[in-house]
Amino acid sequence: MWASRSAASYYAGVHLLVVDDQPELLDMLSRAFERESYRVSLAGTLAAARASVAADAPDVLVLDVELPDGNGVDF
């Protein structure tokens, strides 16, 4: 039951892919998500995101809208 579990244990092992072209933001988000027990992968471009998805499909994508090689919404 959700109420009996902490958020950290509930989401432990959920794989997030965070895609953003700003290294500072990637660092901040990865630390915040890892603190909540998510498994986090990072990408700075859509090309890197595509490769990451092909190698190890994430459960959740967190995408920047404007990336150097395309639009996160279109991805």
N, C-alpha and C. Protein backbone atom coordinates (compact mmCIF):
# COMPACT_ATOMS: atom_id res chain seq x y z
N MET A 1 0.84 -1.18 0.00
CA MET A 1 0.00 0.00 0.00
C MET A 1 0.88 1.23 0.00
N TRP A 2 0.52 2.22 -0.79
CA TRP A 2 1.32 3.44 -0.94
C TRP A 2 1.57 4.12 0.40
N ALA A 3 0.55 4.31 1.21
CA ALA A 3 0.68 5.09 2.44
C ALA A 3 1.68 4.48 3.41
N SER A 4 1.91 3.19 3.32
CA SER A 4 2.81 2.55 4.27
C SER A 4 4.27 2.57 3.80
N ARG A 5 4.52 3.06 2.60
CA ARG A 5 5.88 3.08 2.07
C ARG A 5 6.34 4.51 1.86
N SER A 6 7.64 4.74 2.08
CA SER A 6 8.18 6.06 1.82
C SER A 6 8.30 6.25 0.31
N ALA A 7 8.33 7.50 -0.13
CA ALA A 7 8.48 7.78 -1.56
C ALA A 7 9.78 7.18 -2.08
N ALA A 8 10.84 7.25 -1.29
CA ALA A 8 12.13 6.72 -1.73
C ALA A 8 12.06 5.22 -1.99
N SER A 9 11.41 4.47 -1.11
CA SER A 9 11.33 3.04 -1.32
C SER A 9 10.33 2.70 -2.43
N TYR A 10 9.30 3.50 -2.58
CA TYR A 10 8.30 3.26 -3.62
C TYR A 10 8.92 3.40 -5.01
N TYR A 11 9.78 4.39 -5.20
CA TYR A 11 10.37 4.66 -6.50
C TYR A 11 11.77 4.08 -6.68
N ALA A 12 12.24 3.33 -5.71
CA ALA A 12 13.60 2.77 -5.78
C ALA A 12 13.74 1.94 -7.05
N GLY A 13 14.77 2.26 -7.81
CA GLY A 13 15.08 1.51 -9.01
C GLY A 13 14.38 1.99 -10.27
N VAL A 14 13.42 2.92 -10.15
CA VAL A 14 12.79 3.47 -11.36
C VAL A 14 13.87 4.22 -12.13
N HIS A 15 13.95 3.94 -13.42
CA HIS A 15 15.01 4.50 -14.25
C HIS A 15 14.54 5.76 -14.97
N LEU A 16 15.19 6.87 -14.69
CA LEU A 16 14.90 8.15 -15.34
C LEU A 16 16.02 8.49 -16.32
N LEU A 17 15.66 9.02 -17.46
CA LEU A 17 16.63 9.62 -18.37
C LEU A 17 16.35 11.10 -18.39
N VAL A 18 17.33 11.89 -17.97
CA VAL A 18 17.21 13.34 -17.93
C VAL A 18 18.02 13.89 -19.10
N VAL A 19 17.37 14.69 -19.95
CA VAL A 19 18.01 15.22 -21.14
C VAL A 19 17.97 16.74 -21.09
N ASP A 20 19.15 17.35 -21.04
CA ASP A 20 19.27 18.80 -21.02
C ASP A 20 20.66 19.17 -21.48
N ASP A 21 20.81 20.31 -22.13
CA ASP A 21 22.12 20.74 -22.63
C ASP A 21 22.89 21.60 -21.63
N GLN A 22 22.35 21.81 -20.46
CA GLN A 22 23.03 22.61 -19.43
C GLN A 22 23.59 21.66 -18.36
N PRO A 23 24.91 21.50 -18.32
CA PRO A 23 25.52 20.56 -17.37
C PRO A 23 25.15 20.84 -15.91
N GLU A 24 25.01 22.12 -15.55
CA GLU A 24 24.67 22.45 -14.16
C GLU A 24 23.28 21.92 -13.80
N LEU A 25 22.36 22.03 -14.73
CA LEU A 25 21.00 21.56 -14.49
C LEU A 25 20.97 20.03 -14.44
N LEU A 26 21.71 19.38 -15.33
CA LEU A 26 21.80 17.92 -15.28
C LEU A 26 22.34 17.45 -13.94
N ASP A 27 23.37 18.11 -13.45
CA ASP A 27 23.96 17.75 -12.16
C ASP A 27 22.96 17.92 -11.03
N MET A 28 22.28 19.05 -10.99
CA MET A 28 21.31 19.33 -9.93
C MET A 28 20.16 18.31 -9.96
N LEU A 29 19.62 18.07 -11.14
CA LEU A 29 18.50 17.14 -11.25
C LEU A 29 18.92 15.72 -10.91
N SER A 30 20.08 15.30 -11.37
CA SER A 30 20.51 13.93 -11.08
C SER A 30 20.71 13.73 -9.58
N ARG A 31 21.31 14.70 -8.91
CA ARG A 31 21.48 14.58 -7.45
C ARG A 31 20.14 14.52 -6.73
N ALA A 32 19.19 15.36 -7.16
CA ALA A 32 17.88 15.38 -6.51
C ALA A 32 17.14 14.06 -6.72
N PHE A 33 17.15 13.55 -7.96
CA PHE A 33 16.46 12.29 -8.23
C PHE A 33 17.15 11.10 -7.55
N GLU A 34 18.46 11.08 -7.55
CA GLU A 34 19.19 9.99 -6.90
C GLU A 34 18.95 9.98 -5.40
N ARG A 35 18.80 11.15 -4.81
CA ARG A 35 18.50 11.25 -3.39
C ARG A 35 17.16 10.57 -3.07
N GLU A 36 16.26 10.53 -4.05
CA GLU A 36 14.96 9.89 -3.88
C GLU A 36 14.97 8.43 -4.36
N SER A 37 16.17 7.91 -4.60
CA SER A 37 16.39 6.50 -4.97
C SER A 37 16.04 6.14 -6.41
N TYR A 38 15.91 7.14 -7.29
CA TYR A 38 15.75 6.85 -8.70
C TYR A 38 17.11 6.44 -9.28
N ARG A 39 17.07 5.63 -10.33
CA ARG A 39 18.28 5.33 -11.10
C ARG A 39 18.28 6.33 -12.25
N VAL A 40 19.35 7.12 -12.38
CA VAL A 40 19.35 8.25 -13.30
C VAL A 40 20.41 8.09 -14.38
N SER A 41 19.99 8.31 -15.63
CA SER A 41 20.92 8.43 -16.75
C SER A 41 20.80 9.85 -17.28
N LEU A 42 21.88 10.35 -17.85
CA LEU A 42 21.91 11.73 -18.33
C LEU A 42 22.30 11.78 -19.79
N ALA A 43 21.75 12.77 -20.50
CA ALA A 43 22.12 13.02 -21.88
C ALA A 43 22.05 14.52 -22.13
N GLY A 44 22.97 15.03 -22.96
CA GLY A 44 23.01 16.45 -23.26
C GLY A 44 22.46 16.81 -24.62
N THR A 45 22.15 15.81 -25.43
CA THR A 45 21.60 16.03 -26.77
C THR A 45 20.54 14.96 -27.06
N LEU A 46 19.75 15.22 -28.10
CA LEU A 46 18.77 14.21 -28.50
C LEU A 46 19.46 12.97 -29.05
N ALA A 47 20.57 13.15 -29.74
CA ALA A 47 21.32 12.00 -30.26
C ALA A 47 21.78 11.10 -29.10
N ALA A 48 22.30 11.71 -28.05
CA ALA A 48 22.72 10.94 -26.88
C ALA A 48 21.53 10.30 -26.19
N ALA A 49 20.39 10.99 -26.17
CA ALA A 49 19.18 10.44 -25.57
C ALA A 49 18.70 9.22 -26.35
N ARG A 50 18.71 9.31 -27.67
CA ARG A 50 18.30 8.17 -28.50
C ARG A 50 19.20 6.96 -28.24
N ALA A 51 20.50 7.19 -28.15
CA ALA A 51 21.44 6.10 -27.89
C ALA A 51 21.18 5.49 -26.51
N SER A 52 20.91 6.33 -25.53
CA SER A 52 20.65 5.85 -24.18
C SER A 52 19.37 5.03 -24.13
N VAL A 53 18.33 5.48 -24.82
CA VAL A 53 17.06 4.75 -24.85
C VAL A 53 17.26 3.39 -25.53
N ALA A 54 18.05 3.37 -26.61
CA ALA A 54 18.30 2.11 -27.32
C ALA A 54 19.08 1.12 -26.45
N ALA A 55 20.01 1.63 -25.65
CA ALA A 55 20.86 0.78 -24.82
C ALA A 55 20.15 0.28 -23.56
N ASP A 56 19.33 1.12 -22.94
CA ASP A 56 18.71 0.78 -21.66
C ASP A 56 17.47 1.65 -21.50
N ALA A 57 16.35 1.20 -22.03
CA ALA A 57 15.13 1.99 -22.04
C ALA A 57 14.73 2.45 -20.64
N PRO A 58 14.56 3.76 -20.45
CA PRO A 58 14.16 4.29 -19.15
C PRO A 58 12.66 4.11 -18.92
N ASP A 59 12.26 4.22 -17.67
CA ASP A 59 10.84 4.21 -17.32
C ASP A 59 10.22 5.58 -17.55
N VAL A 60 11.04 6.64 -17.38
CA VAL A 60 10.55 8.01 -17.46
C VAL A 60 11.60 8.86 -18.18
N LEU A 61 11.13 9.77 -19.05
CA LEU A 61 12.00 10.75 -19.69
C LEU A 61 11.70 12.12 -19.12
N VAL A 62 12.75 12.87 -18.78
CA VAL A 62 12.63 14.26 -18.37
C VAL A 62 13.41 15.03 -19.43
N LEU A 63 12.68 15.77 -20.28
CA LEU A 63 13.29 16.37 -21.47
C LEU A 63 13.23 17.89 -21.44
N ASP A 64 14.33 18.50 -21.84
CA ASP A 64 14.37 19.92 -22.14
C ASP A 64 13.63 20.12 -23.46
N VAL A 65 12.98 21.23 -23.64
CA VAL A 65 12.26 21.49 -24.87
C VAL A 65 13.22 21.90 -25.99
N GLU A 66 14.17 22.77 -25.68
CA GLU A 66 15.08 23.27 -26.71
C GLU A 66 16.47 22.70 -26.48
N LEU A 67 16.85 21.80 -27.40
CA LEU A 67 18.17 21.18 -27.34
C LEU A 67 18.94 21.56 -28.59
N PRO A 68 20.26 21.45 -28.55
CA PRO A 68 21.06 21.89 -29.71
C PRO A 68 20.74 21.13 -31.00
N ASP A 69 20.28 19.89 -30.90
CA ASP A 69 20.03 19.10 -32.09
C ASP A 69 18.56 18.75 -32.29
N GLY A 70 17.67 19.50 -31.65
CA GLY A 70 16.26 19.25 -31.88
C GLY A 70 15.37 19.66 -30.73
N ASN A 71 14.11 19.30 -30.86
CA ASN A 71 13.09 19.68 -29.89
C ASN A 71 12.72 18.48 -29.03
N GLY A 72 12.83 18.63 -27.72
CA GLY A 72 12.49 17.55 -26.80
C GLY A 72 11.06 17.09 -26.91
N VAL A 73 10.14 17.98 -27.24
CA VAL A 73 8.74 17.61 -27.38
C VAL A 73 8.56 16.67 -28.56
N ASP A 74 9.26 16.92 -29.65
CA ASP A 74 9.17 16.04 -30.82
C ASP A 74 9.77 14.67 -30.56
N PHE A 75 10.71 14.59 -29.67
CA PHE A 75 11.35 13.31 -29.35
C PHE A 75 10.34 12.38 -28.74
